[in-house]
Amino acid sequence: MDLELVSFKLCPFVQRSVITLLYKKAPFRTTFINLNEPPEWFRDISPLGKVPLLKVDGEVLFESAIINEFIDEVTPGSLMPADPLLRAKNRAWIEFGSNCLGQMFTAISGKEAQAHEDACSDLNRSLAFLEKMMGEGPYFNGADFSLVDTAYAPLFQRLMFLNRFKPVVDWDALPKLRAWSDNLLAMAVIRESLAEGFDEIYPKVLKGMGGHYAGFVG
């Protein structure tokens, strides 16, 4: 099976799929594009104009959650619970993680101080709700690494990176999430999924957004 992942270098949704591919040891290649000036062939095959896309023997899949479930299903082992109810709950929390990524983006891109603070409050409320749902770890489903973990790792990496400038999350109020984050970010497969040069590129992107948060980026 030929797998080609179409990617934008800093996209956390792409990174979800990279983590899954690496964890499942699925051979793949990556094609990077510039989403500000996407090539015509990308416009022709991407119904939403977003990444990731996964080409599977030439067929196109889109949306990271769908891509990740496909990867999981065609490779040995499973990163989803066998029980249908637990599997559905996992899908719901993956979607919740997408919402958290949106709140983080609003926090770092909002033009006004109030927009930034409001988005930070929204994100902290969301994570506080998630904190109440967490068990003892080390992963979301306890001892079993899952697609929920692949969904939240990119969020946690970026939130931890933002601590260098101005934290947007009160980690002291989220001890279970902090432990979950620490466990995920210690994994080699999570570290290796991060785009090369992220530490240099991400601050430039933050400043380039021109939002209120950019003033905190040295």
C-alpha atoms as a PDB file:
ATOM      1  CA  MET A   1       0.000   0.000   0.000  1.00  0.00           C
ATOM      2  CA  ASP A   2       1.412   3.372  -1.046  1.00  0.00           C
ATOM      3  CA  LEU A   3       0.759   6.130   1.507  1.00  0.00           C
ATOM      4  CA  GLU A   4       1.492   9.793   0.772  1.00  0.00           C
ATOM      5  CA  LEU A   5       0.706  12.389   3.446  1.00  0.00           C
ATOM      6  CA  VAL A   6       0.102  15.902   2.119  1.00  0.00           C
ATOM      7  CA  SER A   7       1.204  18.307   4.809  1.00  0.00           C
ATOM      8  CA  PHE A   8       1.735  21.863   5.939  1.00  0.00           C
ATOM      9  CA  LYS A   9       4.786  21.898   8.153  1.00  0.00           C
ATOM     10  CA  LEU A  10       3.327  23.344  11.370  1.00  0.00           C
ATOM     11  CA  CYS A  11      -0.203  21.959  11.196  1.00  0.00           C
ATOM     12  CA  PRO A  12      -1.150  20.144  14.443  1.00  0.00           C
ATOM     13  CA  PHE A  13      -3.810  18.140  12.609  1.00  0.00           C
ATOM     14  CA  VAL A  14      -1.196  16.789  10.213  1.00  0.00           C
ATOM     15  CA  GLN A  15       0.975  15.950  13.192  1.00  0.00           C
ATOM     16  CA  ARG A  16      -1.808  13.780  14.604  1.00  0.00           C
ATOM     17  CA  SER A  17      -1.553  11.605  11.507  1.00  0.00           C
ATOM     18  CA  VAL A  18       2.251  11.590  11.548  1.00  0.00           C
ATOM     19  CA  ILE A  19       2.169  10.301  15.136  1.00  0.00           C
ATOM     20  CA  THR A  20      -0.257   7.546  14.165  1.00  0.00           C
ATOM     21  CA  LEU A  21       1.788   6.523  11.125  1.00  0.00           C
ATOM     22  CA  LEU A  22       5.006   6.449  13.128  1.00  0.00           C
ATOM     23  CA  TYR A  23       3.473   4.587  16.073  1.00  0.00           C
ATOM     24  CA  LYS A  24       1.931   1.967  13.792  1.00  0.00           C
ATOM     25  CA  LYS A  25       5.214   1.720  11.837  1.00  0.00           C
ATOM     26  CA  ALA A  26       3.399   2.327   8.557  1.00  0.00           C
ATOM     27  CA  PRO A  27       5.759   3.308   5.708  1.00  0.00           C
ATOM     28  CA  PHE A  28       4.767   6.654   4.197  1.00  0.00           C
ATOM     29  CA  ARG A  29       6.179   9.668   2.444  1.00  0.00           C
ATOM     30  CA  THR A  30       5.345  13.326   3.008  1.00  0.00           C
ATOM     31  CA  THR A  31       4.642  16.067   0.491  1.00  0.00           C
ATOM     32  CA  PHE A  32       4.754  19.571   1.964  1.00  0.00           C
ATOM     33  CA  ILE A  33       2.731  22.411   0.464  1.00  0.00           C
ATOM     34  CA  ASN A  34       2.305  26.108   1.191  1.00  0.00           C
ATOM     35  CA  LEU A  35      -1.329  26.570   2.230  1.00  0.00           C
ATOM     36  CA  ASN A  36      -1.116  30.292   1.450  1.00  0.00           C
ATOM     37  CA  GLU A  37      -0.313  29.421  -2.165  1.00  0.00           C
ATOM     38  CA  PRO A  38      -1.472  25.831  -2.637  1.00  0.00           C
ATOM     39  CA  PRO A  39      -0.623  24.092  -5.917  1.00  0.00           C
ATOM     40  CA  GLU A  40      -3.437  23.530  -8.397  1.00  0.00           C
ATOM     41  CA  TRP A  41      -3.309  19.753  -7.949  1.00  0.00           C
ATOM     42  CA  PHE A  42      -4.061  20.246  -4.241  1.00  0.00           C
ATOM     43  CA  ARG A  43      -7.089  22.418  -5.003  1.00  0.00           C
ATOM     44  CA  ASP A  44      -8.321  19.694  -7.322  1.00  0.00           C
ATOM     45  CA  ILE A  45      -8.249  16.910  -4.697  1.00  0.00           C
ATOM     46  CA  SER A  46      -8.932  18.710  -1.383  1.00  0.00           C
ATOM     47  CA  PRO A  47     -12.662  19.366  -0.917  1.00  0.00           C
ATOM     48  CA  LEU A  48     -12.065  21.551   2.151  1.00  0.00           C
ATOM     49  CA  GLY A  49      -8.755  23.100   1.089  1.00  0.00           C
ATOM     50  CA  LYS A  50      -7.138  21.783   4.267  1.00  0.00           C
ATOM     51  CA  VAL A  51      -4.430  19.377   5.328  1.00  0.00           C
ATOM     52  CA  PRO A  52      -3.827  16.619   6.102  1.00  0.00           C
ATOM     53  CA  LEU A  53      -4.701  14.640   3.047  1.00  0.00           C
ATOM     54  CA  LEU A  54      -3.671  11.014   2.783  1.00  0.00           C
ATOM     55  CA  LYS A  55      -3.286   9.498  -0.663  1.00  0.00           C
ATOM     56  CA  VAL A  56      -3.831   5.742  -0.476  1.00  0.00           C
ATOM     57  CA  ASP A  57      -2.756   4.134  -3.740  1.00  0.00           C
ATOM     58  CA  GLY A  58      -3.907   7.345  -5.371  1.00  0.00           C
ATOM     59  CA  GLU A  59      -7.257   7.541  -3.546  1.00  0.00           C
ATOM     60  CA  VAL A  60      -7.677  10.602  -1.294  1.00  0.00           C
ATOM     61  CA  LEU A  61      -8.748  10.699   2.354  1.00  0.00           C
ATOM     62  CA  PHE A  62      -9.221  13.954   4.272  1.00  0.00           C
ATOM     63  CA  GLU A  63      -9.794  14.974   7.919  1.00  0.00           C
ATOM     64  CA  SER A  64      -7.221  13.788  10.459  1.00  0.00           C
ATOM     65  CA  ALA A  65      -9.644  11.738  12.578  1.00  0.00           C
ATOM     66  CA  ILE A  66     -10.787   9.762   9.521  1.00  0.00           C
ATOM     67  CA  ILE A  67      -7.224   9.330   8.284  1.00  0.00           C
ATOM     68  CA  ASN A  68      -6.068   8.085  11.672  1.00  0.00           C
ATOM     69  CA  GLU A  69      -8.844   5.523  11.993  1.00  0.00           C
ATOM     70  CA  PHE A  70      -8.042   4.236   8.513  1.00  0.00           C
ATOM     71  CA  ILE A  71      -4.347   3.913   9.362  1.00  0.00           C
ATOM     72  CA  ASP A  72      -5.272   2.111  12.559  1.00  0.00           C
ATOM     73  CA  GLU A  73      -7.577  -0.313  10.769  1.00  0.00           C
ATOM     74  CA  VAL A  74      -5.104  -1.337   8.046  1.00  0.00           C
ATOM     75  CA  THR A  75      -2.125  -1.886  10.355  1.00  0.00           C
ATOM     76  CA  PRO A  76      -1.553  -4.497  13.084  1.00  0.00           C
ATOM     77  CA  GLY A  77      -2.978  -3.807  16.526  1.00  0.00           C
ATOM     78  CA  SER A  78      -5.674  -1.305  17.430  1.00  0.00           C
ATOM     79  CA  LEU A  79      -5.548   2.193  18.916  1.00  0.00           C
ATOM     80  CA  MET A  80      -9.283   2.258  19.596  1.00  0.00           C
ATOM     81  CA  PRO A  81     -11.222   0.416  22.329  1.00  0.00           C
ATOM     82  CA  ALA A  82     -13.040  -2.771  21.335  1.00  0.00           C
ATOM     83  CA  ASP A  83     -16.177  -1.775  23.228  1.00  0.00           C
ATOM     84  CA  PRO A  84     -18.492   0.255  20.922  1.00  0.00           C
ATOM     85  CA  LEU A  85     -19.494   2.730  23.630  1.00  0.00           C
ATOM     86  CA  LEU A  86     -15.909   3.407  24.697  1.00  0.00           C
ATOM     87  CA  ARG A  87     -14.923   3.721  21.046  1.00  0.00           C
ATOM     88  CA  ALA A  88     -17.646   6.303  20.486  1.00  0.00           C
ATOM     89  CA  LYS A  89     -16.553   8.221  23.588  1.00  0.00           C
ATOM     90  CA  ASN A  90     -12.983   8.223  22.299  1.00  0.00           C
ATOM     91  CA  ARG A  91     -14.183   9.727  19.013  1.00  0.00           C
ATOM     92  CA  ALA A  92     -16.066  12.405  20.929  1.00  0.00           C
ATOM     93  CA  TRP A  93     -13.004  13.386  22.966  1.00  0.00           C
ATOM     94  CA  ILE A  94     -10.908  13.521  19.805  1.00  0.00           C
ATOM     95  CA  GLU A  95     -13.395  16.065  18.438  1.00  0.00           C
ATOM     96  CA  PHE A  96     -13.230  17.921  21.746  1.00  0.00           C
ATOM     97  CA  GLY A  97      -9.454  18.134  21.283  1.00  0.00           C
ATOM     98  CA  SER A  98      -9.986  19.748  17.885  1.00  0.00           C
ATOM     99  CA  ASN A  99     -12.106  22.387  19.593  1.00  0.00           C
ATOM    100  CA  CYS A 100      -9.309  23.002  22.108  1.00  0.00           C
ATOM    101  CA  LEU A 101      -6.864  23.529  19.253  1.00  0.00           C
ATOM    102  CA  GLY A 102      -9.236  26.125  17.835  1.00  0.00           C
ATOM    103  CA  GLN A 103      -9.407  27.911  21.184  1.00  0.00           C
ATOM    104  CA  MET A 104      -5.609  27.927  21.426  1.00  0.00           C
ATOM    105  CA  PHE A 105      -5.344  29.372  17.912  1.00  0.00           C
ATOM    106  CA  THR A 106      -7.779  32.142  18.827  1.00  0.00           C
ATOM    107  CA  ALA A 107      -5.725  32.888  21.948  1.00  0.00           C
ATOM    108  CA  ILE A 108      -2.497  33.335  19.986  1.00  0.00           C
ATOM    109  CA  SER A 109      -3.984  35.123  16.982  1.00  0.00           C
ATOM    110  CA  GLY A 110      -6.608  37.473  18.465  1.00  0.00           C
ATOM    111  CA  LYS A 111      -5.829  41.085  17.695  1.00  0.00           C
ATOM    112  CA  GLU A 112      -7.054  42.612  20.923  1.00  0.00           C
ATOM    113  CA  ALA A 113      -6.058  41.861  24.520  1.00  0.00           C
ATOM    114  CA  GLN A 114      -9.649  41.049  25.444  1.00  0.00           C
ATOM    115  CA  ALA A 115      -9.972  38.532  22.610  1.00  0.00           C
ATOM    116  CA  HIS A 116      -6.778  36.882  23.800  1.00  0.00           C
ATOM    117  CA  GLU A 117      -7.925  36.716  27.405  1.00  0.00           C
ATOM    118  CA  ASP A 118     -11.378  35.448  26.477  1.00  0.00           C
ATOM    119  CA  ALA A 119      -9.898  32.654  24.361  1.00  0.00           C
ATOM    120  CA  CYS A 120      -7.508  31.697  27.168  1.00  0.00           C
ATOM    121  CA  SER A 121     -10.475  31.504  29.549  1.00  0.00           C
ATOM    122  CA  ASP A 122     -12.415  29.343  27.103  1.00  0.00           C
ATOM    123  CA  LEU A 123      -9.449  27.004  26.673  1.00  0.00           C
ATOM    124  CA  ASN A 124      -8.874  26.692  30.403  1.00  0.00           C
ATOM    125  CA  ARG A 125     -12.552  25.902  30.974  1.00  0.00           C
ATOM    126  CA  SER A 126     -12.424  23.209  28.304  1.00  0.00           C
ATOM    127  CA  LEU A 127      -9.293  21.653  29.754  1.00  0.00           C
ATOM    128  CA  ALA A 128     -10.777  21.788  33.257  1.00  0.00           C
ATOM    129  CA  PHE A 129     -13.702  19.733  31.966  1.00  0.00           C
ATOM    130  CA  LEU A 130     -11.275  17.253  30.425  1.00  0.00           C
ATOM    131  CA  GLU A 131      -9.315  17.136  33.692  1.00  0.00           C
ATOM    132  CA  LYS A 132     -12.442  15.847  35.459  1.00  0.00           C
ATOM    133  CA  MET A 133     -12.749  13.007  32.949  1.00  0.00           C
ATOM    134  CA  MET A 134      -9.167  11.778  33.260  1.00  0.00           C
ATOM    135  CA  GLY A 135      -8.285   8.583  35.076  1.00  0.00           C
ATOM    136  CA  GLU A 136      -4.905   7.680  36.500  1.00  0.00           C
ATOM    137  CA  GLY A 137      -3.116   7.472  33.158  1.00  0.00           C
ATOM    138  CA  PRO A 138      -0.507   7.286  31.886  1.00  0.00           C
ATOM    139  CA  TYR A 139      -2.693   7.649  28.782  1.00  0.00           C
ATOM    140  CA  PHE A 140      -6.262   8.731  28.178  1.00  0.00           C
ATOM    141  CA  ASN A 141      -7.488   5.138  28.251  1.00  0.00           C
ATOM    142  CA  GLY A 142      -5.265   4.175  31.169  1.00  0.00           C
ATOM    143  CA  ALA A 143      -2.486   1.800  30.192  1.00  0.00           C
ATOM    144  CA  ASP A 144      -3.452   1.719  26.493  1.00  0.00           C
ATOM    145  CA  PHE A 145      -2.077   4.290  24.072  1.00  0.00           C
ATOM    146  CA  SER A 146      -4.871   5.360  21.721  1.00  0.00           C
ATOM    147  CA  LEU A 147      -5.912   7.711  18.954  1.00  0.00           C
ATOM    148  CA  VAL A 148      -7.059  10.119  21.670  1.00  0.00           C
ATOM    149  CA  ASP A 149      -3.421  10.423  22.719  1.00  0.00           C
ATOM    150  CA  THR A 150      -2.321  11.086  19.140  1.00  0.00           C
ATOM    151  CA  ALA A 151      -4.975  13.819  18.965  1.00  0.00           C
ATOM    152  CA  TYR A 152      -3.902  15.719  22.081  1.00  0.00           C
ATOM    153  CA  ALA A 153      -0.110  15.419  21.839  1.00  0.00           C
ATOM    154  CA  PRO A 154       0.245  18.252  19.260  1.00  0.00           C
ATOM    155  CA  LEU A 155      -1.898  20.512  21.446  1.00  0.00           C
ATOM    156  CA  PHE A 156       0.199  19.775  24.522  1.00  0.00           C
ATOM    157  CA  GLN A 157       3.462  20.354  22.620  1.00  0.00           C
ATOM    158  CA  ARG A 158       2.322  23.786  21.522  1.00  0.00           C
ATOM    159  CA  LEU A 159       0.942  24.736  24.926  1.00  0.00           C
ATOM    160  CA  MET A 160       4.241  23.779  26.549  1.00  0.00           C
ATOM    161  CA  PHE A 161       6.142  25.754  23.931  1.00  0.00           C
ATOM    162  CA  LEU A 162       4.033  28.831  24.681  1.00  0.00           C
ATOM    163  CA  ASN A 163       5.190  28.649  28.293  1.00  0.00           C
ATOM    164  CA  ARG A 164       8.474  30.133  27.042  1.00  0.00           C
ATOM    165  CA  PHE A 165       6.703  33.415  26.336  1.00  0.00           C
ATOM    166  CA  LYS A 166       3.347  33.725  28.109  1.00  0.00           C
ATOM    167  CA  PRO A 167       1.450  30.638  29.302  1.00  0.00           C
ATOM    168  CA  VAL A 168      -2.105  30.380  28.055  1.00  0.00           C
ATOM    169  CA  VAL A 169      -2.999  27.477  30.371  1.00  0.00           C
ATOM    170  CA  ASP A 170      -2.921  27.272  34.168  1.00  0.00           C
ATOM    171  CA  TRP A 171      -1.182  23.923  34.510  1.00  0.00           C
ATOM    172  CA  ASP A 172      -1.292  24.074  38.323  1.00  0.00           C
ATOM    173  CA  ALA A 173      -5.064  23.638  38.054  1.00  0.00           C
ATOM    174  CA  LEU A 174      -4.676  20.648  35.721  1.00  0.00           C
ATOM    175  CA  PRO A 175      -2.436  18.076  37.469  1.00  0.00           C
ATOM    176  CA  LYS A 176      -3.839  15.047  35.614  1.00  0.00           C
ATOM    177  CA  LEU A 177      -3.536  16.735  32.238  1.00  0.00           C
ATOM    178  CA  ARG A 178      -0.024  17.879  33.106  1.00  0.00           C
ATOM    179  CA  ALA A 179       0.958  14.292  33.939  1.00  0.00           C
ATOM    180  CA  TRP A 180      -0.696  13.038  30.746  1.00  0.00           C
ATOM    181  CA  SER A 181       1.125  15.704  28.741  1.00  0.00           C
ATOM    182  CA  ASP A 182       4.474  14.869  30.340  1.00  0.00           C
ATOM    183  CA  ASN A 183       4.020  11.176  29.554  1.00  0.00           C
ATOM    184  CA  LEU A 184       3.140  11.860  25.926  1.00  0.00           C
ATOM    185  CA  LEU A 185       5.893  14.395  25.289  1.00  0.00           C
ATOM    186  CA  ALA A 186       8.474  11.981  26.687  1.00  0.00           C
ATOM    187  CA  MET A 187       7.669   9.446  23.944  1.00  0.00           C
ATOM    188  CA  ALA A 188      10.162   9.262  21.091  1.00  0.00           C
ATOM    189  CA  VAL A 189       7.382   8.857  18.532  1.00  0.00           C
ATOM    190  CA  ILE A 190       5.802  12.131  19.690  1.00  0.00           C
ATOM    191  CA  ARG A 191       9.077  14.039  19.575  1.00  0.00           C
ATOM    192  CA  GLU A 192       9.913  12.646  16.138  1.00  0.00           C
ATOM    193  CA  SER A 193       6.539  13.699  14.754  1.00  0.00           C
ATOM    194  CA  LEU A 194       7.278  17.392  15.257  1.00  0.00           C
ATOM    195  CA  ALA A 195       8.286  19.197  12.087  1.00  0.00           C
ATOM    196  CA  GLU A 196      12.003  19.812  11.630  1.00  0.00           C
ATOM    197  CA  GLY A 197      12.918  23.343  12.693  1.00  0.00           C
ATOM    198  CA  PHE A 198       9.734  23.817  14.741  1.00  0.00           C
ATOM    199  CA  ASP A 199      11.532  25.670  17.550  1.00  0.00           C
ATOM    200  CA  GLU A 200      12.782  28.284  15.082  1.00  0.00           C
ATOM    201  CA  ILE A 201       9.727  28.487  12.824  1.00  0.00           C
ATOM    202  CA  TYR A 202       6.915  28.611  15.384  1.00  0.00           C
ATOM    203  CA  PRO A 203       7.986  31.863  17.108  1.00  0.00           C
ATOM    204  CA  LYS A 204       8.208  33.538  13.690  1.00  0.00           C
ATOM    205  CA  VAL A 205       4.702  32.340  12.903  1.00  0.00           C
ATOM    206  CA  LEU A 206       3.432  33.648  16.246  1.00  0.00           C
ATOM    207  CA  LYS A 207       4.910  37.067  15.561  1.00  0.00           C
ATOM    208  CA  GLY A 208       3.677  36.988  11.986  1.00  0.00           C
ATOM    209  CA  MET A 209       0.094  36.531  13.153  1.00  0.00           C
ATOM    210  CA  GLY A 210       0.244  40.080  14.457  1.00  0.00           C
ATOM    211  CA  GLY A 211      -2.099  39.321  17.318  1.00  0.00           C
ATOM    212  CA  HIS A 212      -1.956  40.536  20.882  1.00  0.00           C
ATOM    213  CA  TYR A 213       0.100  37.459  21.847  1.00  0.00           C
ATOM    214  CA  ALA A 214       2.846  38.411  19.379  1.00  0.00           C
ATOM    215  CA  GLY A 215       3.927  41.147  21.773  1.00  0.00           C
ATOM    216  CA  PHE A 216       5.067  38.506  24.269  1.00  0.00           C
ATOM    217  CA  VAL A 217       7.222  36.576  21.760  1.00  0.00           C
ATOM    218  CA  GLY A 218      10.899  37.490  22.072  1.00  0.00           C
END
